[in-house]
Amino acid sequence: IYRQFPGFGYLILDSLALGNMFFRNDENVKVLACPLLILHAEDD
């Protein structure tokens, strides 16, 4: 519901970065060399 409002990116998404919350799975997996198993349900 909030995605349509101006400022959503700044107020919600950027506030995570200001709190040093990034959780960059995409960057981390680029470095890993161990076996990696990703599980996802189609109805998530």
ModelCIF file with pLDDT and N, C-alpha, C, O atoms, coordinates in Angstrom:
data_MODEL
#
_entry.id   MODEL 
#
_entity.id                         1 
_entity.type                       polymer 
_entity.pdbx_number_of_molecules   1 
#
_entity_poly.entity_id                      1 
_entity_poly.type                           'polypeptide(L)' 
_entity_poly.nstd_linkage                   no 
_entity_poly.nstd_monomer                   no 
_entity_poly.pdbx_seq_one_letter_code       IYRQFPGFGYLILDSLALGNMFFRNDENVKVLACPLLILHAEDD 
_entity_poly.pdbx_seq_one_letter_code_can   IYRQFPGFGYLILDSLALGNMFFRNDENVKVLACPLLILHAEDD 
_entity_poly.pdbx_strand_id                 A 
#
loop_
_entity_poly_seq.entity_id 
_entity_poly_seq.num 
_entity_poly_seq.mon_id 
_entity_poly_seq.hetero 
1 1  ILE n 
1 2  TYR n 
1 3  ARG n 
1 4  GLN n 
1 5  PHE n 
1 6  PRO n 
1 7  GLY n 
1 8  PHE n 
1 9  GLY n 
1 10 TYR n 
1 11 LEU n 
1 12 ILE n 
1 13 LEU n 
1 14 ASP n 
1 15 SER n 
1 16 LEU n 
1 17 ALA n 
1 18 LEU n 
1 19 GLY n 
1 20 ASN n 
1 21 MET n 
1 22 PHE n 
1 23 PHE n 
1 24 ARG n 
1 25 ASN n 
1 26 ASP n 
1 27 GLU n 
1 28 ASN n 
1 29 VAL n 
1 30 LYS n 
1 31 VAL n 
1 32 LEU n 
1 33 ALA n 
1 34 CYS n 
1 35 PRO n 
1 36 LEU n 
1 37 LEU n 
1 38 ILE n 
1 39 LEU n 
1 40 HIS n 
1 41 ALA n 
1 42 GLU n 
1 43 ASP n 
1 44 ASP n 
#
_struct_asym.id          A 
_struct_asym.entity_id   1 
#
loop_
_ma_qa_metric.id 
_ma_qa_metric.mode 
_ma_qa_metric.name 
_ma_qa_metric.software_group_id 
_ma_qa_metric.type 
1 global pLDDT . pLDDT 
2 local  pLDDT . pLDDT 
#
_ma_qa_metric_global.metric_id      1 
_ma_qa_metric_global.metric_value   82.80 
_ma_qa_metric_global.model_id       1 
_ma_qa_metric_global.ordinal_id     1 
#
loop_
_ma_qa_metric_local.label_asym_id 
_ma_qa_metric_local.label_comp_id 
_ma_qa_metric_local.label_seq_id 
_ma_qa_metric_local.metric_id 
_ma_qa_metric_local.metric_value 
_ma_qa_metric_local.model_id 
_ma_qa_metric_local.ordinal_id 
A ILE 1  2 74.00 1 1  
A TYR 2  2 71.00 1 2  
A ARG 3  2 70.00 1 3  
A GLN 4  2 76.00 1 4  
A PHE 5  2 72.00 1 5  
A PRO 6  2 78.00 1 6  
A GLY 7  2 72.00 1 7  
A PHE 8  2 67.00 1 8  
A GLY 9  2 68.00 1 9  
A TYR 10 2 63.00 1 10 
A LEU 11 2 64.00 1 11 
A ILE 12 2 66.00 1 12 
A LEU 13 2 60.00 1 13 
A ASP 14 2 64.00 1 14 
A SER 15 2 65.00 1 15 
A LEU 16 2 65.00 1 16 
A ALA 17 2 63.00 1 17 
A LEU 18 2 61.00 1 18 
A GLY 19 2 65.00 1 19 
A ASN 20 2 71.00 1 20 
A MET 21 2 70.00 1 21 
A PHE 22 2 80.00 1 22 
A PHE 23 2 92.00 1 23 
A ARG 24 2 95.00 1 24 
A ASN 25 2 97.00 1 25 
A ASP 26 2 98.00 1 26 
A GLU 27 2 97.00 1 27 
A ASN 28 2 98.00 1 28 
A VAL 29 2 98.00 1 29 
A LYS 30 2 98.00 1 30 
A VAL 31 2 96.00 1 31 
A LEU 32 2 97.00 1 32 
A ALA 33 2 96.00 1 33 
A CYS 34 2 97.00 1 34 
A PRO 35 2 98.00 1 35 
A LEU 36 2 98.00 1 36 
A LEU 37 2 98.00 1 37 
A ILE 38 2 98.00 1 38 
A LEU 39 2 98.00 1 39 
A HIS 40 2 98.00 1 40 
A ALA 41 2 98.00 1 41 
A GLU 42 2 98.00 1 42 
A ASP 43 2 98.00 1 43 
A ASP 44 2 97.00 1 44 
#
loop_
_atom_site.group_PDB 
_atom_site.id 
_atom_site.type_symbol 
_atom_site.label_atom_id 
_atom_site.label_alt_id 
_atom_site.label_comp_id 
_atom_site.label_asym_id 
_atom_site.label_entity_id 
_atom_site.label_seq_id 
_atom_site.pdbx_PDB_ins_code 
_atom_site.Cartn_x 
_atom_site.Cartn_y 
_atom_site.Cartn_z 
_atom_site.occupancy 
_atom_site.B_iso_or_equiv 
_atom_site.pdbx_formal_charge 
_atom_site.auth_seq_id 
_atom_site.auth_comp_id 
_atom_site.auth_asym_id 
_atom_site.auth_atom_id 
_atom_site.pdbx_PDB_model_num 
ATOM 1   N N  . ILE A 1 1  ? 0.821  -1.218  0.000  1.00 74.00 ? 1  ILE A N  1 
ATOM 2   C CA . ILE A 1 1  ? 0.000  0.000   0.000  1.00 74.00 ? 1  ILE A CA 1 
ATOM 3   C C  . ILE A 1 1  ? 0.855  1.269   0.000  1.00 74.00 ? 1  ILE A C  1 
ATOM 4   O O  . ILE A 1 1  ? 0.445  2.303   -0.526 1.00 74.00 ? 1  ILE A O  1 
ATOM 5   N N  . TYR A 1 2  ? 2.039  1.178   0.592  1.00 71.00 ? 2  TYR A N  1 
ATOM 6   C CA . TYR A 1 2  ? 2.898  2.358   0.709  1.00 71.00 ? 2  TYR A CA 1 
ATOM 7   C C  . TYR A 1 2  ? 3.768  2.590   -0.516 1.00 71.00 ? 2  TYR A C  1 
ATOM 8   O O  . TYR A 1 2  ? 4.269  3.697   -0.710 1.00 71.00 ? 2  TYR A O  1 
ATOM 9   N N  . ARG A 1 3  ? 3.957  1.584   -1.337 1.00 70.00 ? 3  ARG A N  1 
ATOM 10  C CA . ARG A 1 3  ? 4.851  1.687   -2.495 1.00 70.00 ? 3  ARG A CA 1 
ATOM 11  C C  . ARG A 1 3  ? 4.419  2.765   -3.477 1.00 70.00 ? 3  ARG A C  1 
ATOM 12  O O  . ARG A 1 3  ? 5.251  3.321   -4.193 1.00 70.00 ? 3  ARG A O  1 
ATOM 13  N N  . GLN A 1 4  ? 3.131  3.063   -3.517 1.00 76.00 ? 4  GLN A N  1 
ATOM 14  C CA . GLN A 1 4  ? 2.623  4.038   -4.485 1.00 76.00 ? 4  GLN A CA 1 
ATOM 15  C C  . GLN A 1 4  ? 2.871  5.487   -4.060 1.00 76.00 ? 4  GLN A C  1 
ATOM 16  O O  . GLN A 1 4  ? 2.764  6.400   -4.879 1.00 76.00 ? 4  GLN A O  1 
ATOM 17  N N  . PHE A 1 5  ? 3.198  5.696   -2.800 1.00 72.00 ? 5  PHE A N  1 
ATOM 18  C CA . PHE A 1 5  ? 3.375  7.056   -2.305 1.00 72.00 ? 5  PHE A CA 1 
ATOM 19  C C  . PHE A 1 5  ? 4.788  7.578   -2.551 1.00 72.00 ? 5  PHE A C  1 
ATOM 20  O O  . PHE A 1 5  ? 5.766  6.837   -2.449 1.00 72.00 ? 5  PHE A O  1 
ATOM 21  N N  . PRO A 1 6  ? 4.877  8.873   -2.878 1.00 78.00 ? 6  PRO A N  1 
ATOM 22  C CA . PRO A 1 6  ? 6.202  9.465   -3.033 1.00 78.00 ? 6  PRO A CA 1 
ATOM 23  C C  . PRO A 1 6  ? 6.953  9.379   -1.698 1.00 78.00 ? 6  PRO A C  1 
ATOM 24  O O  . PRO A 1 6  ? 6.362  9.530   -0.629 1.00 78.00 ? 6  PRO A O  1 
ATOM 25  N N  . GLY A 1 7  ? 8.228  9.140   -1.780 1.00 72.00 ? 7  GLY A N  1 
ATOM 26  C CA . GLY A 1 7  ? 9.031  9.069   -0.566 1.00 72.00 ? 7  GLY A CA 1 
ATOM 27  C C  . GLY A 1 7  ? 9.144  7.683   0.033  1.00 72.00 ? 7  GLY A C  1 
ATOM 28  O O  . GLY A 1 7  ? 9.848  7.491   1.024  1.00 72.00 ? 7  GLY A O  1 
ATOM 29  N N  . PHE A 1 8  ? 8.446  6.694   -0.566 1.00 67.00 ? 8  PHE A N  1 
ATOM 30  C CA . PHE A 1 8  ? 8.519  5.328   -0.023 1.00 67.00 ? 8  PHE A CA 1 
ATOM 31  C C  . PHE A 1 8  ? 9.968  4.854   0.037  1.00 67.00 ? 8  PHE A C  1 
ATOM 32  O O  . PHE A 1 8  ? 10.418 4.324   1.052  1.00 67.00 ? 8  PHE A O  1 
ATOM 33  N N  . GLY A 1 9  ? 10.685 5.051   -1.057 1.00 68.00 ? 9  GLY A N  1 
ATOM 34  C CA . GLY A 1 9  ? 12.080 4.616   -1.104 1.00 68.00 ? 9  GLY A CA 1 
ATOM 35  C C  . GLY A 1 9  ? 12.917 5.281   -0.033 1.00 68.00 ? 9  GLY A C  1 
ATOM 36  O O  . GLY A 1 9  ? 13.696 4.627   0.660  1.00 68.00 ? 9  GLY A O  1 
ATOM 37  N N  . TYR A 1 10 ? 12.750 6.584   0.097  1.00 63.00 ? 10 TYR A N  1 
ATOM 38  C CA . TYR A 1 10 ? 13.545 7.326   1.077  1.00 63.00 ? 10 TYR A CA 1 
ATOM 39  C C  . TYR A 1 10 ? 13.142 6.989   2.511  1.00 63.00 ? 10 TYR A C  1 
ATOM 40  O O  . TYR A 1 10 ? 13.992 6.669   3.342  1.00 63.00 ? 10 TYR A O  1 
ATOM 41  N N  . LEU A 1 11 ? 11.859 7.062   2.792  1.00 64.00 ? 11 LEU A N  1 
ATOM 42  C CA . LEU A 1 11 ? 11.400 6.886   4.175  1.00 64.00 ? 11 LEU A CA 1 
ATOM 43  C C  . LEU A 1 11 ? 11.511 5.447   4.682  1.00 64.00 ? 11 LEU A C  1 
ATOM 44  O O  . LEU A 1 11 ? 11.859 5.224   5.842  1.00 64.00 ? 11 LEU A O  1 
ATOM 45  N N  . ILE A 1 12 ? 11.224 4.488   3.833  1.00 66.00 ? 12 ILE A N  1 
ATOM 46  C CA . ILE A 1 12 ? 11.216 3.093   4.268  1.00 66.00 ? 12 ILE A CA 1 
ATOM 47  C C  . ILE A 1 12 ? 12.518 2.393   3.898  1.00 66.00 ? 12 ILE A C  1 
ATOM 48  O O  . ILE A 1 12 ? 13.239 1.901   4.766  1.00 66.00 ? 12 ILE A O  1 
ATOM 49  N N  . LEU A 1 13 ? 12.809 2.355   2.609  1.00 60.00 ? 13 LEU A N  1 
ATOM 50  C CA . LEU A 1 13 ? 13.946 1.573   2.150  1.00 60.00 ? 13 LEU A CA 1 
ATOM 51  C C  . LEU A 1 13 ? 15.288 2.171   2.554  1.00 60.00 ? 13 LEU A C  1 
ATOM 52  O O  . LEU A 1 13 ? 16.187 1.448   2.984  1.00 60.00 ? 13 LEU A O  1 
ATOM 53  N N  . ASP A 1 14 ? 15.426 3.472   2.420  1.00 64.00 ? 14 ASP A N  1 
ATOM 54  C CA . ASP A 1 14 ? 16.703 4.099   2.785  1.00 64.00 ? 14 ASP A CA 1 
ATOM 55  C C  . ASP A 1 14 ? 16.930 4.121   4.287  1.00 64.00 ? 14 ASP A C  1 
ATOM 56  O O  . ASP A 1 14 ? 18.073 4.179   4.740  1.00 64.00 ? 14 ASP A O  1 
ATOM 57  N N  . SER A 1 15 ? 15.857 4.076   5.063  1.00 65.00 ? 15 SER A N  1 
ATOM 58  C CA . SER A 1 15 ? 16.025 4.076   6.521  1.00 65.00 ? 15 SER A CA 1 
ATOM 59  C C  . SER A 1 15 ? 16.713 2.796   6.989  1.00 65.00 ? 15 SER A C  1 
ATOM 60  O O  . SER A 1 15 ? 17.395 2.803   8.014  1.00 65.00 ? 15 SER A O  1 
ATOM 61  N N  . LEU A 1 16 ? 16.546 1.714   6.261  1.00 65.00 ? 16 LEU A N  1 
ATOM 62  C CA . LEU A 1 16 ? 17.253 0.475   6.601  1.00 65.00 ? 16 LEU A CA 1 
ATOM 63  C C  . LEU A 1 16 ? 18.762 0.680   6.458  1.00 65.00 ? 16 LEU A C  1 
ATOM 64  O O  . LEU A 1 16 ? 19.539 0.239   7.304  1.00 65.00 ? 16 LEU A O  1 
ATOM 65  N N  . ALA A 1 17 ? 19.164 1.350   5.384  1.00 63.00 ? 17 ALA A N  1 
ATOM 66  C CA . ALA A 1 17 ? 20.587 1.609   5.166  1.00 63.00 ? 17 ALA A CA 1 
ATOM 67  C C  . ALA A 1 17 ? 21.134 2.549   6.238  1.00 63.00 ? 17 ALA A C  1 
ATOM 68  O O  . ALA A 1 17 ? 22.265 2.382   6.693  1.00 63.00 ? 17 ALA A O  1 
ATOM 69  N N  . LEU A 1 18 ? 20.345 3.525   6.635  1.00 61.00 ? 18 LEU A N  1 
ATOM 70  C CA . LEU A 1 18 ? 20.796 4.444   7.684  1.00 61.00 ? 18 LEU A CA 1 
ATOM 71  C C  . LEU A 1 18 ? 21.025 3.709   8.998  1.00 61.00 ? 18 LEU A C  1 
ATOM 72  O O  . LEU A 1 18 ? 21.835 4.134   9.822  1.00 61.00 ? 18 LEU A O  1 
ATOM 73  N N  . GLY A 1 19 ? 20.317 2.616   9.188  1.00 65.00 ? 19 GLY A N  1 
ATOM 74  C CA . GLY A 1 19 ? 20.491 1.800   10.385 1.00 65.00 ? 19 GLY A CA 1 
ATOM 75  C C  . GLY A 1 19 ? 21.513 0.684   10.183 1.00 65.00 ? 19 GLY A C  1 
ATOM 76  O O  . GLY A 1 19 ? 21.585 -0.253  10.978 1.00 65.00 ? 19 GLY A O  1 
ATOM 77  N N  . ASN A 1 20 ? 22.301 0.792   9.113  1.00 71.00 ? 20 ASN A N  1 
ATOM 78  C CA . ASN A 1 20 ? 23.307 -0.230  8.779  1.00 71.00 ? 20 ASN A CA 1 
ATOM 79  C C  . ASN A 1 20 ? 22.703 -1.629  8.656  1.00 71.00 ? 20 ASN A C  1 
ATOM 80  O O  . ASN A 1 20 ? 23.294 -2.615  9.094  1.00 71.00 ? 20 ASN A O  1 
ATOM 81  N N  . MET A 1 21 ? 21.532 -1.693  8.059  1.00 70.00 ? 21 MET A N  1 
ATOM 82  C CA . MET A 1 21 ? 20.867 -2.963  7.807  1.00 70.00 ? 21 MET A CA 1 
ATOM 83  C C  . MET A 1 21 ? 20.838 -3.181  6.296  1.00 70.00 ? 21 MET A C  1 
ATOM 84  O O  . MET A 1 21 ? 20.051 -2.556  5.585  1.00 70.00 ? 21 MET A O  1 
ATOM 85  N N  . PHE A 1 22 ? 21.693 -4.061  5.817  1.00 80.00 ? 22 PHE A N  1 
ATOM 86  C CA . PHE A 1 22 ? 21.794 -4.311  4.381  1.00 80.00 ? 22 PHE A CA 1 
ATOM 87  C C  . PHE A 1 22 ? 21.477 -5.763  4.030  1.00 80.00 ? 22 PHE A C  1 
ATOM 88  O O  . PHE A 1 22 ? 20.790 -6.027  3.044  1.00 80.00 ? 22 PHE A O  1 
ATOM 89  N N  . PHE A 1 23 ? 21.970 -6.694  4.825  1.00 92.00 ? 23 PHE A N  1 
ATOM 90  C CA . PHE A 1 23 ? 21.750 -8.125  4.600  1.00 92.00 ? 23 PHE A CA 1 
ATOM 91  C C  . PHE A 1 23 ? 21.862 -8.459  3.114  1.00 92.00 ? 23 PHE A C  1 
ATOM 92  O O  . PHE A 1 23 ? 20.883 -8.848  2.477  1.00 92.00 ? 23 PHE A O  1 
ATOM 93  N N  . ARG A 1 24 ? 23.053 -8.304  2.581  1.00 95.00 ? 24 ARG A N  1 
ATOM 94  C CA . ARG A 1 24 ? 23.308 -8.436  1.140  1.00 95.00 ? 24 ARG A CA 1 
ATOM 95  C C  . ARG A 1 24 ? 23.607 -9.877  0.734  1.00 95.00 ? 24 ARG A C  1 
ATOM 96  O O  . ARG A 1 24 ? 24.755 -10.227 0.458  1.00 95.00 ? 24 ARG A O  1 
ATOM 97  N N  . ASN A 1 25 ? 22.592 -10.690 0.701  1.00 97.00 ? 25 ASN A N  1 
ATOM 98  C CA . ASN A 1 25 ? 22.784 -12.060 0.221  1.00 97.00 ? 25 ASN A CA 1 
ATOM 99  C C  . ASN A 1 25 ? 23.401 -12.067 -1.171 1.00 97.00 ? 25 ASN A C  1 
ATOM 100 O O  . ASN A 1 25 ? 24.289 -12.870 -1.459 1.00 97.00 ? 25 ASN A O  1 
ATOM 101 N N  . ASP A 1 26 ? 22.928 -11.169 -2.038 1.00 98.00 ? 26 ASP A N  1 
ATOM 102 C CA . ASP A 1 26 ? 23.404 -11.138 -3.419 1.00 98.00 ? 26 ASP A CA 1 
ATOM 103 C C  . ASP A 1 26 ? 24.901 -10.867 -3.508 1.00 98.00 ? 26 ASP A C  1 
ATOM 104 O O  . ASP A 1 26 ? 25.578 -11.445 -4.359 1.00 98.00 ? 26 ASP A O  1 
ATOM 105 N N  . GLU A 1 27 ? 25.428 -10.008 -2.655 1.00 97.00 ? 27 GLU A N  1 
ATOM 106 C CA . GLU A 1 27 ? 26.864 -9.731  -2.654 1.00 97.00 ? 27 GLU A CA 1 
ATOM 107 C C  . GLU A 1 27 ? 27.636 -10.853 -1.957 1.00 97.00 ? 27 GLU A C  1 
ATOM 108 O O  . GLU A 1 27 ? 28.732 -11.213 -2.386 1.00 97.00 ? 27 GLU A O  1 
ATOM 109 N N  . ASN A 1 28 ? 27.076 -11.392 -0.906 1.00 98.00 ? 28 ASN A N  1 
ATOM 110 C CA . ASN A 1 28 ? 27.769 -12.441 -0.152 1.00 98.00 ? 28 ASN A CA 1 
ATOM 111 C C  . ASN A 1 28 ? 27.944 -13.719 -0.953 1.00 98.00 ? 28 ASN A C  1 
ATOM 112 O O  . ASN A 1 28 ? 29.013 -14.328 -0.915 1.00 98.00 ? 28 ASN A O  1 
ATOM 113 N N  . VAL A 1 29 ? 26.912 -14.135 -1.679 1.00 98.00 ? 29 VAL A N  1 
ATOM 114 C CA . VAL A 1 29 ? 27.019 -15.399 -2.424 1.00 98.00 ? 29 VAL A CA 1 
ATOM 115 C C  . VAL A 1 29 ? 28.030 -15.305 -3.561 1.00 98.00 ? 29 VAL A C  1 
ATOM 116 O O  . VAL A 1 29 ? 28.515 -16.333 -4.034 1.00 98.00 ? 29 VAL A O  1 
ATOM 117 N N  . LYS A 1 30 ? 28.353 -14.113 -4.003 1.00 98.00 ? 30 LYS A N  1 
ATOM 118 C CA . LYS A 1 30 ? 29.354 -13.940 -5.054 1.00 98.00 ? 30 LYS A CA 1 
ATOM 119 C C  . LYS A 1 30 ? 30.742 -14.344 -4.573 1.00 98.00 ? 30 LYS A C  1 
ATOM 120 O O  . LYS A 1 30 ? 31.619 -14.651 -5.380 1.00 98.00 ? 30 LYS A O  1 
ATOM 121 N N  . VAL A 1 31 ? 30.936 -14.343 -3.268 1.00 96.00 ? 31 VAL A N  1 
ATOM 122 C CA . VAL A 1 31 ? 32.244 -14.609 -2.677 1.00 96.00 ? 31 VAL A CA 1 
ATOM 123 C C  . VAL A 1 31 ? 32.356 -16.050 -2.189 1.00 96.00 ? 31 VAL A C  1 
ATOM 124 O O  . VAL A 1 31 ? 33.450 -16.612 -2.155 1.00 96.00 ? 31 VAL A O  1 
ATOM 125 N N  . LEU A 1 32 ? 31.228 -16.649 -1.813 1.00 97.00 ? 32 LEU A N  1 
ATOM 126 C CA . LEU A 1 32 ? 31.263 -17.981 -1.216 1.00 97.00 ? 32 LEU A CA 1 
ATOM 127 C C  . LEU A 1 32 ? 31.743 -19.043 -2.201 1.00 97.00 ? 32 LEU A C  1 
ATOM 128 O O  . LEU A 1 32 ? 31.576 -18.916 -3.414 1.00 97.00 ? 32 LEU A O  1 
ATOM 129 N N  . ALA A 1 33 ? 32.346 -20.098 -1.641 1.00 96.00 ? 33 ALA A N  1 
ATOM 130 C CA . ALA A 1 33 ? 32.806 -21.224 -2.453 1.00 96.00 ? 33 ALA A CA 1 
ATOM 131 C C  . ALA A 1 33 ? 32.234 -22.539 -1.942 1.00 96.00 ? 33 ALA A C  1 
ATOM 132 O O  . ALA A 1 33 ? 32.352 -23.562 -2.618 1.00 96.00 ? 33 ALA A O  1 
ATOM 133 N N  . CYS A 1 34 ? 31.616 -22.534 -0.761 1.00 97.00 ? 34 CYS A N  1 
ATOM 134 C CA . CYS A 1 34 ? 31.064 -23.763 -0.183 1.00 97.00 ? 34 CYS A CA 1 
ATOM 135 C C  . CYS A 1 34 ? 29.768 -24.138 -0.893 1.00 97.00 ? 34 CYS A C  1 
ATOM 136 O O  . CYS A 1 34 ? 29.169 -23.304 -1.572 1.00 97.00 ? 34 CYS A O  1 
ATOM 137 N N  . PRO A 1 35 ? 29.331 -25.395 -0.741 1.00 98.00 ? 35 PRO A N  1 
ATOM 138 C CA . PRO A 1 35 ? 28.042 -25.779 -1.312 1.00 98.00 ? 35 PRO A CA 1 
ATOM 139 C C  . PRO A 1 35 ? 26.913 -24.866 -0.801 1.00 98.00 ? 35 PRO A C  1 
ATOM 140 O O  . PRO A 1 35 ? 26.851 -24.534 0.383  1.00 98.00 ? 35 PRO A O  1 
ATOM 141 N N  . LEU A 1 36 ? 26.041 -24.479 -1.709 1.00 98.00 ? 36 LEU A N  1 
ATOM 142 C CA . LEU A 1 36 ? 24.942 -23.565 -1.395 1.00 98.00 ? 36 LEU A CA 1 
ATOM 143 C C  . LEU A 1 36 ? 23.643 -24.168 -1.896 1.00 98.00 ? 36 LEU A C  1 
ATOM 144 O O  . LEU A 1 36 ? 23.503 -24.488 -3.076 1.00 98.00 ? 36 LEU A O  1 
ATOM 145 N N  . LEU A 1 37 ? 22.693 -24.317 -0.977 1.00 98.00 ? 37 LEU A N  1 
ATOM 146 C CA . LEU A 1 37 ? 21.367 -24.835 -1.319 1.00 98.00 ? 37 LEU A CA 1 
ATOM 147 C C  . LEU A 1 37 ? 20.342 -23.758 -1.009 1.00 98.00 ? 37 LEU A C  1 
ATOM 148 O O  . LEU A 1 37 ? 20.264 -23.265 0.117  1.00 98.00 ? 37 LEU A O  1 
ATOM 149 N N  . ILE A 1 38 ? 19.563 -23.399 -2.009 1.00 98.00 ? 38 ILE A N  1 
ATOM 150 C CA . ILE A 1 38 ? 18.512 -22.391 -1.853 1.00 98.00 ? 38 ILE A CA 1 
ATOM 151 C C  . ILE A 1 38 ? 17.168 -23.087 -1.978 1.00 98.00 ? 38 ILE A C  1 
ATOM 152 O O  . ILE A 1 38 ? 16.902 -23.777 -2.962 1.00 98.00 ? 38 ILE A O  1 
ATOM 153 N N  . LEU A 1 39 ? 16.321 -22.897 -0.969 1.00 98.00 ? 39 LEU A N  1 
ATOM 154 C CA . LEU A 1 39 ? 14.990 -23.511 -0.917 1.00 98.00 ? 39 LEU A CA 1 
ATOM 155 C C  . LEU A 1 39 ? 13.930 -22.412 -0.942 1.00 98.00 ? 39 LEU A C  1 
ATOM 156 O O  . LEU A 1 39 ? 14.040 -21.421 -0.220 1.00 98.00 ? 39 LEU A O  1 
ATOM 157 N N  . HIS A 1 40 ? 12.912 -22.590 -1.767 1.00 98.00 ? 40 HIS A N  1 
ATOM 158 C CA . HIS A 1 40 ? 11.841 -21.588 -1.809 1.00 98.00 ? 40 HIS A CA 1 
ATOM 159 C C  . HIS A 1 40 ? 10.527 -22.261 -2.183 1.00 98.00 ? 40 HIS A C  1 
ATOM 160 O O  . HIS A 1 40 ? 10.489 -23.098 -3.085 1.00 98.00 ? 40 HIS A O  1 
ATOM 161 N N  . ALA A 1 41 ? 9.472  -21.905 -1.505 1.00 98.00 ? 41 ALA A N  1 
ATOM 162 C CA . ALA A 1 41 ? 8.133  -22.398 -1.831 1.00 98.00 ? 41 ALA A CA 1 
ATOM 163 C C  . ALA A 1 41 ? 7.502  -21.469 -2.864 1.00 98.00 ? 41 ALA A C  1 
ATOM 164 O O  . ALA A 1 41 ? 7.608  -20.246 -2.768 1.00 98.00 ? 41 ALA A O  1 
ATOM 165 N N  . GLU A 1 42 ? 6.848  -22.067 -3.848 1.00 98.00 ? 42 GLU A N  1 
ATOM 166 C CA . GLU A 1 42 ? 6.200  -21.277 -4.901 1.00 98.00 ? 42 GLU A CA 1 
ATOM 167 C C  . GLU A 1 42 ? 5.063  -20.412 -4.349 1.00 98.00 ? 42 GLU A C  1 
ATOM 168 O O  . GLU A 1 42 ? 4.701  -19.406 -4.959 1.00 98.00 ? 42 GLU A O  1 
ATOM 169 N N  . ASP A 1 43 ? 4.503  -20.794 -3.208 1.00 98.00 ? 43 ASP A N  1 
ATOM 170 C CA . ASP A 1 43 ? 3.396  -20.029 -2.634 1.00 98.00 ? 43 ASP A CA 1 
ATOM 171 C C  . ASP A 1 43 ? 3.847  -19.134 -1.475 1.00 98.00 ? 43 ASP A C  1 
ATOM 172 O O  . ASP A 1 43 ? 3.047  -18.797 -0.602 1.00 98.00 ? 43 ASP A O  1 
ATOM 173 N N  . ASP A 1 44 ? 5.111  -18.755 -1.468 1.00 97.00 ? 44 ASP A N  1 
ATOM 174 C CA . ASP A 1 44 ? 5.620  -17.851 -0.431 1.00 97.00 ? 44 ASP A CA 1 
ATOM 175 C C  . ASP A 1 44 ? 5.021  -16.465 -0.656 1.00 97.00 ? 44 ASP A C  1 
ATOM 176 O O  . ASP A 1 44 ? 5.309  -15.537 0.100  1.00 97.00 ? 44 ASP A O  1 
#
